[in-house]
N, C-alpha and C. Protein backbone atom coordinates (compact mmCIF):
# COMPACT_ATOMS: atom_id res chain seq x y z
N UNK A 1 92.38 122.36 116.42
CA UNK A 1 92.30 120.88 115.98
C UNK A 1 93.60 120.42 115.38
N UNK A 2 94.15 121.22 114.49
CA UNK A 2 95.48 120.79 113.83
C UNK A 2 96.59 120.68 114.79
N UNK A 3 96.66 121.55 115.81
CA UNK A 3 97.72 121.54 116.85
C UNK A 3 97.51 120.26 117.64
N UNK A 4 96.27 119.97 118.08
CA UNK A 4 95.97 118.77 118.90
C UNK A 4 96.29 117.52 118.15
N UNK A 5 95.97 117.42 116.79
CA UNK A 5 96.30 116.27 115.99
C UNK A 5 97.84 116.11 115.81
N UNK A 6 98.54 117.21 115.67
CA UNK A 6 99.95 117.16 115.55
C UNK A 6 100.60 116.67 116.82
N UNK A 7 100.05 117.20 117.92
CA UNK A 7 100.66 116.82 119.21
C UNK A 7 100.37 115.26 119.46
N UNK A 8 99.18 114.86 119.12
CA UNK A 8 98.83 113.48 119.31
C UNK A 8 99.72 112.50 118.46
N UNK A 9 99.91 112.91 117.24
CA UNK A 9 100.78 112.09 116.30
C UNK A 9 102.22 112.11 116.70
N UNK A 10 102.70 113.27 117.30
CA UNK A 10 103.99 113.31 117.75
C UNK A 10 104.17 112.38 118.98
N UNK A 11 103.13 112.33 119.85
CA UNK A 11 103.17 111.34 120.99
C UNK A 11 103.26 109.98 120.46
N UNK A 12 102.41 109.64 119.33
CA UNK A 12 102.49 108.31 118.78
C UNK A 12 103.91 108.01 118.21
N UNK A 13 104.50 109.01 117.53
CA UNK A 13 105.80 108.82 116.89
C UNK A 13 106.86 108.58 118.07
N UNK A 14 106.74 109.38 119.12
CA UNK A 14 107.67 109.17 120.25
C UNK A 14 107.52 107.74 120.90
N UNK A 15 106.28 107.34 121.03
CA UNK A 15 105.98 106.06 121.63
C UNK A 15 106.38 104.86 120.77
N UNK A 16 105.96 104.94 119.50
CA UNK A 16 106.17 103.81 118.68
C UNK A 16 107.39 103.77 117.75
N UNK A 17 107.91 104.94 117.47
CA UNK A 17 109.00 104.96 116.47
C UNK A 17 110.17 105.76 116.95
N UNK A 18 110.38 105.98 118.18
CA UNK A 18 111.53 106.66 118.65
C UNK A 18 111.65 108.16 118.24
N UNK A 19 110.41 108.77 118.00
CA UNK A 19 110.38 110.13 117.73
C UNK A 19 110.28 110.54 116.24
N UNK A 20 110.42 109.55 115.40
CA UNK A 20 110.45 109.70 113.92
C UNK A 20 109.10 109.72 113.32
N UNK A 21 108.64 110.91 112.79
CA UNK A 21 107.33 110.95 112.12
C UNK A 21 107.38 110.21 110.83
N UNK A 22 108.47 110.21 110.23
CA UNK A 22 108.63 109.50 108.89
C UNK A 22 108.41 107.94 109.07
N UNK A 23 108.99 107.54 110.28
CA UNK A 23 108.86 105.99 110.52
C UNK A 23 107.50 105.70 110.87
N UNK A 24 106.80 106.64 111.63
CA UNK A 24 105.46 106.40 112.04
C UNK A 24 104.49 106.37 110.66
N UNK A 25 104.78 107.21 109.71
CA UNK A 25 104.02 107.27 108.48
C UNK A 25 104.29 105.97 107.63
N UNK A 26 105.51 105.69 107.64
CA UNK A 26 105.94 104.41 106.82
C UNK A 26 105.31 103.20 107.52
N UNK A 27 105.41 103.08 108.76
CA UNK A 27 104.82 101.89 109.46
C UNK A 27 103.35 101.81 109.32
N UNK A 28 102.62 102.95 109.41
CA UNK A 28 101.13 102.89 109.10
C UNK A 28 100.88 102.53 107.77
N UNK A 29 101.69 102.96 106.78
CA UNK A 29 101.48 102.63 105.36
C UNK A 29 101.71 101.06 105.21
N UNK A 30 102.72 100.51 105.79
CA UNK A 30 102.99 99.07 105.70
C UNK A 30 101.86 98.35 106.30
N UNK A 31 101.28 98.76 107.43
CA UNK A 31 100.17 97.99 107.99
C UNK A 31 98.95 98.11 106.97
N UNK A 32 98.77 99.20 106.30
CA UNK A 32 97.67 99.26 105.34
C UNK A 32 97.95 98.29 104.23
N UNK A 33 99.17 98.18 103.73
CA UNK A 33 99.54 97.34 102.71
C UNK A 33 99.26 95.79 103.17
N UNK A 34 99.47 95.52 104.40
CA UNK A 34 99.18 94.16 104.99
C UNK A 34 97.80 93.84 104.92
N UNK A 35 96.92 94.74 105.36
CA UNK A 35 95.46 94.61 105.31
C UNK A 35 94.92 94.50 103.88
N UNK A 36 95.62 95.25 102.99
CA UNK A 36 95.32 95.17 101.61
C UNK A 36 95.44 93.70 100.98
N UNK A 37 96.56 93.14 101.40
CA UNK A 37 96.76 91.76 100.91
C UNK A 37 95.77 90.76 101.42
N UNK A 38 95.25 90.97 102.77
CA UNK A 38 94.23 90.06 103.29
C UNK A 38 92.90 90.35 102.57
N UNK A 39 92.62 91.62 102.33
CA UNK A 39 91.40 91.89 101.55
C UNK A 39 91.45 91.38 100.13
N UNK A 40 92.56 91.42 99.58
CA UNK A 40 92.63 90.83 98.18
C UNK A 40 92.42 89.38 98.14
N UNK A 41 93.01 88.67 99.08
CA UNK A 41 92.74 87.16 99.22
C UNK A 41 91.26 86.90 99.47
N UNK A 42 90.71 87.61 100.37
CA UNK A 42 89.29 87.45 100.78
C UNK A 42 88.35 87.81 99.57
N UNK A 43 88.77 88.77 98.70
CA UNK A 43 87.92 89.12 97.63
C UNK A 43 87.91 88.01 96.59
N UNK A 44 89.03 87.27 96.43
CA UNK A 44 89.03 86.14 95.51
C UNK A 44 88.07 85.00 96.09
N UNK A 45 88.07 84.82 97.30
CA UNK A 45 87.18 83.86 97.96
C UNK A 45 85.74 84.27 97.74
N UNK A 46 85.41 85.54 97.97
CA UNK A 46 84.10 86.08 97.88
C UNK A 46 83.60 85.94 96.49
N UNK A 47 84.42 86.25 95.50
CA UNK A 47 84.09 86.20 94.03
C UNK A 47 83.68 84.74 93.61
N UNK A 48 84.35 83.78 94.20
CA UNK A 48 84.12 82.50 93.78
C UNK A 48 82.85 81.79 94.49
N UNK A 49 82.44 82.37 95.66
CA UNK A 49 81.46 81.70 96.37
C UNK A 49 80.12 82.49 96.69
N UNK A 50 80.13 83.80 96.21
CA UNK A 50 78.93 84.58 96.48
C UNK A 50 78.33 85.09 95.23
N UNK A 51 77.36 85.97 95.48
CA UNK A 51 76.56 86.47 94.25
C UNK A 51 77.49 87.38 93.44
N UNK A 52 77.00 87.65 92.24
CA UNK A 52 77.71 88.56 91.29
C UNK A 52 77.87 89.98 91.83
N UNK A 53 76.90 90.56 92.47
CA UNK A 53 77.05 91.87 93.01
C UNK A 53 78.05 91.93 94.19
N UNK A 54 78.06 90.93 95.03
CA UNK A 54 78.98 90.90 96.11
C UNK A 54 80.43 90.64 95.53
N UNK A 55 80.50 89.71 94.64
CA UNK A 55 81.86 89.50 93.93
C UNK A 55 82.43 90.68 93.24
N UNK A 56 81.52 91.44 92.58
CA UNK A 56 82.02 92.71 91.93
C UNK A 56 82.47 93.68 92.91
N UNK A 57 81.74 93.86 93.97
CA UNK A 57 82.12 94.84 95.02
C UNK A 57 83.46 94.46 95.61
N UNK A 58 83.70 93.16 95.90
CA UNK A 58 84.96 92.78 96.46
C UNK A 58 86.13 92.87 95.50
N UNK A 59 85.91 92.48 94.21
CA UNK A 59 87.03 92.58 93.32
C UNK A 59 87.34 94.08 92.89
N UNK A 60 86.25 94.86 92.85
CA UNK A 60 86.51 96.35 92.55
C UNK A 60 87.25 96.98 93.71
N UNK A 61 86.90 96.68 94.90
CA UNK A 61 87.70 97.29 96.06
C UNK A 61 89.05 96.82 96.09
N UNK A 62 89.25 95.50 95.77
CA UNK A 62 90.69 94.97 95.72
C UNK A 62 91.48 95.67 94.61
N UNK A 63 90.86 95.92 93.47
CA UNK A 63 91.59 96.62 92.42
C UNK A 63 91.96 98.01 92.75
N UNK A 64 90.93 98.69 93.43
CA UNK A 64 91.16 100.10 93.85
C UNK A 64 92.30 100.11 94.81
N UNK A 65 92.36 99.23 95.80
CA UNK A 65 93.41 99.11 96.80
C UNK A 65 94.77 98.83 96.13
N UNK A 66 94.74 97.93 95.13
CA UNK A 66 96.02 97.73 94.47
C UNK A 66 96.55 98.93 93.81
N UNK A 67 95.65 99.68 93.14
CA UNK A 67 96.13 101.00 92.52
C UNK A 67 96.59 101.95 93.53
N UNK A 68 95.85 102.07 94.63
CA UNK A 68 96.27 102.99 95.66
C UNK A 68 97.65 102.60 96.30
N UNK A 69 97.79 101.25 96.45
CA UNK A 69 99.05 100.72 97.06
C UNK A 69 100.23 101.02 96.16
N UNK A 70 100.10 100.81 94.90
CA UNK A 70 101.10 101.06 93.99
C UNK A 70 101.40 102.55 93.84
N UNK A 71 100.39 103.30 93.67
CA UNK A 71 100.57 104.80 93.57
C UNK A 71 101.12 105.42 94.73
N UNK A 72 100.58 105.00 95.97
CA UNK A 72 101.02 105.51 97.26
C UNK A 72 102.40 105.26 97.54
N UNK A 73 102.88 103.96 97.22
CA UNK A 73 104.21 103.59 97.57
C UNK A 73 105.17 104.51 96.63
N UNK A 74 104.75 104.63 95.35
CA UNK A 74 105.56 105.50 94.55
C UNK A 74 105.67 106.85 95.00
N UNK A 75 104.57 107.42 95.47
CA UNK A 75 104.61 108.77 95.98
C UNK A 75 105.37 108.86 97.30
N UNK A 76 105.29 107.88 98.12
CA UNK A 76 106.07 107.86 99.48
C UNK A 76 107.50 107.71 99.20
N UNK A 77 107.91 107.03 98.04
CA UNK A 77 109.32 106.80 97.86
C UNK A 77 109.97 107.78 96.91
N UNK A 78 109.22 108.21 95.85
CA UNK A 78 109.97 108.98 94.88
C UNK A 78 109.35 110.46 94.63
N UNK A 79 108.01 110.57 94.54
CA UNK A 79 107.47 111.82 94.24
C UNK A 79 107.07 112.53 95.46
N UNK A 80 107.89 113.46 95.89
CA UNK A 80 107.54 114.14 97.13
C UNK A 80 107.14 115.63 96.91
N UNK A 81 106.55 115.92 95.79
CA UNK A 81 106.07 117.27 95.61
C UNK A 81 104.68 117.49 96.26
N UNK A 82 104.26 118.70 96.39
CA UNK A 82 103.00 119.02 97.04
C UNK A 82 101.83 118.45 96.33
N UNK A 83 101.89 118.58 95.02
CA UNK A 83 100.78 118.11 94.18
C UNK A 83 100.50 116.62 94.34
N UNK A 84 101.61 115.80 94.27
CA UNK A 84 101.48 114.40 94.46
C UNK A 84 100.97 114.02 95.81
N UNK A 85 101.55 114.62 96.86
CA UNK A 85 101.15 114.25 98.26
C UNK A 85 99.68 114.65 98.48
N UNK A 86 99.35 115.87 97.94
CA UNK A 86 97.96 116.29 98.05
C UNK A 86 96.98 115.32 97.41
N UNK A 87 97.26 114.92 96.23
CA UNK A 87 96.44 114.00 95.47
C UNK A 87 96.33 112.68 96.23
N UNK A 88 97.50 112.12 96.77
CA UNK A 88 97.47 110.96 97.54
C UNK A 88 96.62 111.09 98.82
N UNK A 89 96.82 112.21 99.51
CA UNK A 89 95.94 112.37 100.63
C UNK A 89 94.43 112.32 100.36
N UNK A 90 94.03 113.04 99.20
CA UNK A 90 92.62 112.97 98.82
C UNK A 90 92.20 111.56 98.49
N UNK A 91 93.08 110.75 97.79
CA UNK A 91 92.80 109.39 97.44
C UNK A 91 92.54 108.50 98.64
N UNK A 92 93.43 108.77 99.65
CA UNK A 92 93.44 107.99 100.89
C UNK A 92 92.05 108.24 101.63
N UNK A 93 91.61 109.47 101.69
CA UNK A 93 90.41 109.84 102.32
C UNK A 93 89.22 109.21 101.60
N UNK A 94 89.22 109.31 100.26
CA UNK A 94 88.13 108.72 99.50
C UNK A 94 88.09 107.27 99.66
N UNK A 95 89.23 106.56 99.65
CA UNK A 95 89.23 105.06 99.92
C UNK A 95 88.71 104.72 101.26
N UNK A 96 89.07 105.61 102.31
CA UNK A 96 88.63 105.30 103.69
C UNK A 96 87.08 105.40 103.77
N UNK A 97 86.56 106.35 103.01
CA UNK A 97 85.04 106.42 103.01
C UNK A 97 84.46 105.32 102.26
N UNK A 98 85.07 104.91 101.10
CA UNK A 98 84.59 103.77 100.40
C UNK A 98 84.57 102.46 101.32
N UNK A 99 85.60 102.30 102.01
CA UNK A 99 85.69 101.06 102.83
C UNK A 99 84.74 101.08 104.00
N UNK A 100 84.41 102.32 104.52
CA UNK A 100 83.44 102.33 105.58
C UNK A 100 82.10 102.01 104.90
N UNK A 101 81.79 102.41 103.80
CA UNK A 101 80.51 102.10 103.04
C UNK A 101 80.52 100.61 102.84
N UNK A 102 81.57 100.03 102.38
CA UNK A 102 81.69 98.59 102.12
C UNK A 102 81.47 97.79 103.43
N UNK A 103 81.97 98.32 104.58
CA UNK A 103 81.68 97.67 105.84
C UNK A 103 80.22 97.54 106.05
N UNK A 104 79.46 98.71 105.79
CA UNK A 104 78.02 98.60 106.01
C UNK A 104 77.37 97.61 105.00
N UNK A 105 77.83 97.63 103.81
CA UNK A 105 77.28 96.84 102.74
C UNK A 105 77.44 95.30 103.11
N UNK A 106 78.72 94.94 103.55
CA UNK A 106 78.90 93.56 104.00
C UNK A 106 78.14 93.13 105.22
N UNK A 107 77.82 94.11 106.07
CA UNK A 107 76.87 93.71 107.17
C UNK A 107 75.51 93.35 106.66
N UNK A 108 75.08 94.21 105.63
CA UNK A 108 73.77 94.00 105.09
C UNK A 108 73.74 92.65 104.31
N UNK A 109 74.80 92.31 103.62
CA UNK A 109 74.90 91.01 102.91
C UNK A 109 74.90 89.83 103.91
N UNK A 110 75.58 90.04 105.04
CA UNK A 110 75.63 89.03 106.16
C UNK A 110 74.21 88.81 106.71
N UNK A 111 73.45 89.88 106.87
CA UNK A 111 72.07 89.71 107.42
C UNK A 111 71.22 89.06 106.42
N UNK A 112 71.38 89.32 105.15
CA UNK A 112 70.64 88.59 104.08
C UNK A 112 70.92 87.11 104.08
N UNK A 113 72.26 86.82 104.16
CA UNK A 113 72.68 85.39 104.28
C UNK A 113 72.12 84.73 105.50
N UNK A 114 72.12 85.29 106.70
CA UNK A 114 71.48 84.73 107.85
C UNK A 114 70.01 84.46 107.79
N UNK A 115 69.27 85.42 107.15
CA UNK A 115 67.85 85.26 107.05
C UNK A 115 67.52 84.17 106.05
N UNK A 116 68.41 83.86 105.12
CA UNK A 116 68.23 82.74 104.19
C UNK A 116 68.72 81.45 104.68
N UNK A 117 69.24 81.42 105.90
CA UNK A 117 69.77 80.24 106.56
C UNK A 117 71.11 79.80 106.03
N UNK A 118 71.85 80.70 105.34
CA UNK A 118 73.19 80.30 104.82
C UNK A 118 74.28 80.87 105.74
N UNK A 119 75.44 80.42 105.45
CA UNK A 119 76.64 80.80 106.34
C UNK A 119 76.94 82.28 105.99
N UNK A 120 77.19 83.08 107.03
CA UNK A 120 77.53 84.55 106.84
C UNK A 120 78.96 84.82 107.37
N UNK A 121 79.78 83.82 107.63
CA UNK A 121 81.06 84.07 108.15
C UNK A 121 81.95 84.89 107.23
N UNK A 122 81.91 84.54 105.96
CA UNK A 122 82.73 85.32 104.93
C UNK A 122 82.35 86.81 104.92
N UNK A 123 81.08 87.19 105.03
CA UNK A 123 80.65 88.51 105.09
C UNK A 123 81.08 89.21 106.42
N UNK A 124 81.05 88.44 107.52
CA UNK A 124 81.51 89.08 108.79
C UNK A 124 82.99 89.35 108.74
N UNK A 125 83.78 88.50 108.19
CA UNK A 125 85.29 88.72 108.06
C UNK A 125 85.44 89.89 107.13
N UNK A 126 84.77 89.89 105.95
CA UNK A 126 85.00 90.95 104.99
C UNK A 126 84.57 92.38 105.63
N UNK A 127 83.48 92.42 106.37
CA UNK A 127 83.07 93.65 107.04
C UNK A 127 84.02 94.08 108.06
N UNK A 128 84.63 93.09 108.85
CA UNK A 128 85.61 93.47 109.78
C UNK A 128 86.92 93.96 109.14
N UNK A 129 87.29 93.33 108.13
CA UNK A 129 88.56 93.86 107.33
C UNK A 129 88.26 95.20 106.72
N UNK A 130 87.05 95.45 106.19
CA UNK A 130 86.75 96.75 105.64
C UNK A 130 86.76 97.88 106.65
N UNK A 131 86.23 97.48 107.88
CA UNK A 131 86.27 98.57 108.95
C UNK A 131 87.69 98.84 109.32
N UNK A 132 88.46 97.77 109.47
CA UNK A 132 89.87 97.95 109.90
C UNK A 132 90.58 98.78 108.77
N UNK A 133 90.40 98.48 107.53
CA UNK A 133 90.98 99.27 106.48
C UNK A 133 90.48 100.70 106.47
N UNK A 134 89.20 100.96 106.79
CA UNK A 134 88.66 102.26 106.79
C UNK A 134 89.27 103.13 107.85
N UNK A 135 89.49 102.54 109.06
CA UNK A 135 90.12 103.21 110.27
C UNK A 135 91.58 103.45 109.98
N UNK A 136 92.26 102.57 109.42
CA UNK A 136 93.68 102.66 109.11
C UNK A 136 93.91 103.79 108.04
N UNK A 137 93.06 103.78 106.95
CA UNK A 137 93.20 104.74 105.91
C UNK A 137 92.86 106.18 106.43
N UNK A 138 91.75 106.26 107.25
CA UNK A 138 91.45 107.56 107.76
C UNK A 138 92.47 108.09 108.70
N UNK A 139 92.96 107.24 109.63
CA UNK A 139 93.98 107.76 110.50
C UNK A 139 95.40 108.08 109.83
N UNK A 140 95.61 107.28 108.74
CA UNK A 140 96.81 107.53 107.93
C UNK A 140 96.70 108.95 107.28
N UNK A 141 95.52 109.19 106.77
CA UNK A 141 95.31 110.56 106.05
C UNK A 141 95.54 111.65 107.11
N UNK A 142 94.95 111.48 108.35
CA UNK A 142 95.14 112.50 109.52
C UNK A 142 96.61 112.60 109.83
N UNK A 143 97.38 111.48 109.92
CA UNK A 143 98.84 111.58 110.31
C UNK A 143 99.58 112.21 109.09
N UNK A 144 99.32 111.87 107.94
CA UNK A 144 99.97 112.44 106.80
C UNK A 144 99.60 113.91 106.64
N UNK A 145 98.50 114.31 106.95
CA UNK A 145 98.11 115.77 106.91
C UNK A 145 98.84 116.51 107.92
N UNK A 146 98.99 115.89 109.14
CA UNK A 146 99.70 116.63 110.25
C UNK A 146 101.16 116.78 110.00
N UNK A 147 101.73 115.73 109.28
CA UNK A 147 103.21 115.74 109.12
C UNK A 147 103.62 115.70 107.58
N UNK A 148 102.72 116.31 106.73
CA UNK A 148 103.09 116.29 105.32
C UNK A 148 104.45 117.10 105.04
N UNK A 149 104.86 118.00 105.90
CA UNK A 149 105.99 118.73 105.62
C UNK A 149 107.29 117.73 105.75
N UNK A 150 107.05 116.69 106.44
CA UNK A 150 108.16 115.75 106.61
C UNK A 150 108.38 114.86 105.29
N UNK A 151 107.31 114.78 104.47
CA UNK A 151 107.29 114.06 103.23
C UNK A 151 107.77 114.86 102.10
N UNK A 152 107.36 116.12 102.01
CA UNK A 152 107.60 117.05 100.92
C UNK A 152 109.07 117.29 100.78
N UNK A 153 109.43 117.51 99.48
CA UNK A 153 110.87 117.74 99.08
C UNK A 153 111.18 119.17 99.78
N UNK A 154 112.46 119.17 100.17
CA UNK A 154 112.94 120.46 100.69
C UNK A 154 114.07 120.93 99.69
N UNK A 155 114.16 122.22 99.62
CA UNK A 155 115.19 122.74 98.59
C UNK A 155 116.63 122.29 98.97
N UNK A 156 117.37 121.87 98.00
CA UNK A 156 118.69 121.40 98.29
C UNK A 156 119.84 122.27 97.90
N UNK A 157 119.63 123.09 96.85
CA UNK A 157 120.66 123.97 96.44
C UNK A 157 120.44 125.41 96.86
N UNK A 158 121.50 126.14 96.81
CA UNK A 158 121.40 127.61 97.28
C UNK A 158 120.43 128.33 96.35
N UNK A 159 120.39 128.08 94.99
CA UNK A 159 119.51 128.76 94.09
C UNK A 159 118.11 128.44 94.46
N UNK A 160 117.76 127.14 94.78
CA UNK A 160 116.41 126.86 95.18
C UNK A 160 115.92 127.53 96.42
N UNK A 161 116.83 127.62 97.37
CA UNK A 161 116.52 128.31 98.66
C UNK A 161 116.25 129.73 98.47
N UNK A 162 116.86 130.38 97.39
CA UNK A 162 116.58 131.84 97.30
C UNK A 162 115.17 132.08 96.87
N UNK A 163 114.49 131.06 96.35
CA UNK A 163 113.08 131.20 95.89
C UNK A 163 112.04 131.20 97.05
N UNK A 164 112.54 130.73 98.21
CA UNK A 164 111.67 130.53 99.33
C UNK A 164 111.79 131.72 100.34
N UNK A 165 110.79 132.51 100.57
CA UNK A 165 110.89 133.69 101.50
C UNK A 165 111.25 133.28 102.88
N UNK A 166 110.83 132.11 103.38
CA UNK A 166 111.20 131.64 104.72
C UNK A 166 112.69 131.45 104.90
N UNK A 167 113.38 131.03 103.78
CA UNK A 167 114.72 130.75 103.82
C UNK A 167 115.55 131.96 103.50
N UNK A 168 115.07 132.77 102.56
CA UNK A 168 115.81 133.90 102.21
C UNK A 168 115.16 135.24 102.81
N UNK A 169 115.73 135.76 103.90
CA UNK A 169 115.15 136.89 104.53
C UNK A 169 115.14 138.18 103.71
N UNK A 170 116.01 138.27 102.73
CA UNK A 170 116.16 139.44 101.84
C UNK A 170 114.99 139.49 100.86
N UNK A 171 114.23 138.41 100.65
CA UNK A 171 113.09 138.45 99.67
C UNK A 171 111.83 138.45 100.51
N UNK A 172 111.04 139.56 100.34
CA UNK A 172 109.81 139.66 101.10
C UNK A 172 108.80 138.59 100.62
N UNK A 173 107.99 138.13 101.61
CA UNK A 173 107.00 137.08 101.39
C UNK A 173 106.02 137.41 100.26
N UNK A 174 105.68 138.57 100.14
CA UNK A 174 104.61 138.97 99.19
C UNK A 174 105.29 139.61 97.89
N UNK A 175 106.49 139.31 97.66
CA UNK A 175 107.05 139.91 96.43
C UNK A 175 106.60 139.12 95.16
N UNK A 176 106.45 139.85 94.17
CA UNK A 176 106.08 139.19 92.85
C UNK A 176 106.77 139.96 91.73
N UNK A 177 107.41 139.18 90.91
CA UNK A 177 108.08 139.87 89.76
C UNK A 177 107.20 139.55 88.53
N UNK A 178 106.42 140.61 88.06
CA UNK A 178 105.60 140.30 86.82
C UNK A 178 106.50 140.15 85.63
N UNK A 179 105.93 139.43 84.70
CA UNK A 179 106.78 139.35 83.41
C UNK A 179 106.65 140.65 82.67
N UNK A 180 107.81 140.89 81.94
CA UNK A 180 107.96 142.13 81.23
C UNK A 180 107.72 141.88 79.73
N UNK A 181 107.15 142.88 79.12
CA UNK A 181 106.95 142.73 77.71
C UNK A 181 108.12 143.30 76.89
N UNK A 182 108.61 142.61 75.93
CA UNK A 182 109.71 143.07 75.15
C UNK A 182 109.14 144.26 74.22
N UNK A 183 109.91 145.33 74.18
CA UNK A 183 109.42 146.39 73.36
C UNK A 183 109.68 146.12 71.88
N UNK A 184 108.61 146.46 71.14
CA UNK A 184 108.70 146.17 69.70
C UNK A 184 108.67 147.52 68.91
N UNK A 185 109.75 148.24 69.08
CA UNK A 185 109.86 149.59 68.41
C UNK A 185 110.17 149.28 66.89
N UNK A 186 109.24 149.80 66.07
CA UNK A 186 109.44 149.63 64.71
C UNK A 186 109.74 150.97 63.99
N UNK A 187 110.00 152.00 64.73
CA UNK A 187 110.44 153.29 64.32
C UNK A 187 109.19 154.23 64.02
N UNK A 188 107.98 153.73 64.26
CA UNK A 188 106.82 154.51 63.97
C UNK A 188 106.47 155.34 65.24
N UNK A 189 105.96 156.56 65.03
CA UNK A 189 105.46 157.31 66.20
C UNK A 189 104.07 157.86 66.07
């Protein structure tokens, strides 16, 4: 599965970005940011015109997206360690699932509005945007998972490279240097 996904995303990178996986990841992230802006504007509209529960759901999702957008952009630009990228990938998957559930909830709100004889266009637009955001976030997580090595920091100095067994053939992969205890000879036997 991993090899097939990696091959598919490589084909996408070759087709859309001239072979650069980093450009594919960045472009996908910018499209997510664009949909985020649309969802934030729609949530302001929903909050002012719909019920308290629907308004809370839309504002909460907009705030979560705002936090993910800020944190994700910081990780993509500055913090390239494995912990940050892993946390970011988990957050993206969780947000993808949340937006799929919001898609289903807005469909339900739309059905409730239509049975009451009210306009349900706002719910239809929100459900469509939530589905698009869910698909974009899920596919972004898959692309990032397949090409996370392109985002992670690589050792830059000779000393850092000596700590990596794949770079330093003289250091075995399973070597471990345990800490030593300082001897505390007090002259007693």
